Amino acid sequence: MEPKKSKISVRNVSRSFASANGEIVNALQGINLEIDDAYSREGRDVGEFRVLLGPSGCGKSTLLRLIAGLDRADTGEVLVNEQPVHAPGKDRGMVFQKYTSFPWLTVAGNIAYGLKINGVPEQQRKDTVAQLVQAVGLSGFENAYPETLSGGMQQRVAIARTLALRPAVILMDEPFGALDAQTRSEMQQLLLKVWDETASTILFVTHDVEEAIYLADRIFIMSAHPGTIVEDVQVPFDRPRDLSLKQRNEFHELQNYVLGRLRRAPGNGQVRVSV
């Protein structure tokens, strides 16, 4: 088995902003986290699924943007694959809560977009698109335009487009937050299925406790104002997972523990207990 390599390293990072009235707002303060590559018992590189969980407004999205290279920290440093982050890069893919498909491109065109601008040959693009369309359950919609798709289907496009470039790290900013409960649950299952086949490291932002526990290998619990990491919680449930896990007593016990930890953390903000 190869030695573990650091996938994401955040060291003593702080970030503040000026409000509309000129007041300085400390969004993040003294953030430290480490995510290493992960391997199965058989030695297969499987990546790891980490979740940033905290109340709304605690700086989760700000931290994700720093890792994506879309913003810069005031202090500290961010490294991905042991390299300092100064700008976006192909080693990181990002899925936002807001649907981000190009409205003038079809489903296939959106998925192929990153491949095309990176010079991937046409036949290879077609093969990759066909594989991903099937993987995310969009077969038959290759020629549809985003405006004709439901919210859940648009997020399937966003996930497929992100996976097309095979990034080592996938950053997801509450990607299912705008979906109804049933679609949200379906998308959680889809994400776990697709992730199991990619070996990417996922860092997923949510303020939903149930979602965090169902998806994650480990959960970084954040407090609000300023955002800090107050605990790194290991999720003990084996994979693969299905929806019956949410009905187990052990699941509810961990849910109560995490919710209690959030309530004891400094600051104010809203969290969601379940979908």
Foldseek 3Di string as FASTA:
>chain_A
DDDKFWFKWWAQFWAWDQDPVRDIFTAAGGATDTAIFDADPVGHGQAFEEEEAAFPSQNPVVVLCCQQQVDDTPDTFMDGRNHTRNHHDLLEAEAEQDQDFDQVQFLLCRLLVVVVVVPNDPVVSVVLSVVLCVLLVNPPRRGPGPVVDDLLVSSSSSVSSRCSSLHQEYEYEPNCVPPDQVSSQVVLLSVLSVSRPRSHHYYYYALELLSNLQRGQWYFYWAHRHTYGDDIGGRPDDDDDDPVVCVDPVSVVVLVVSVVVNVPGDDDGDGHHGD
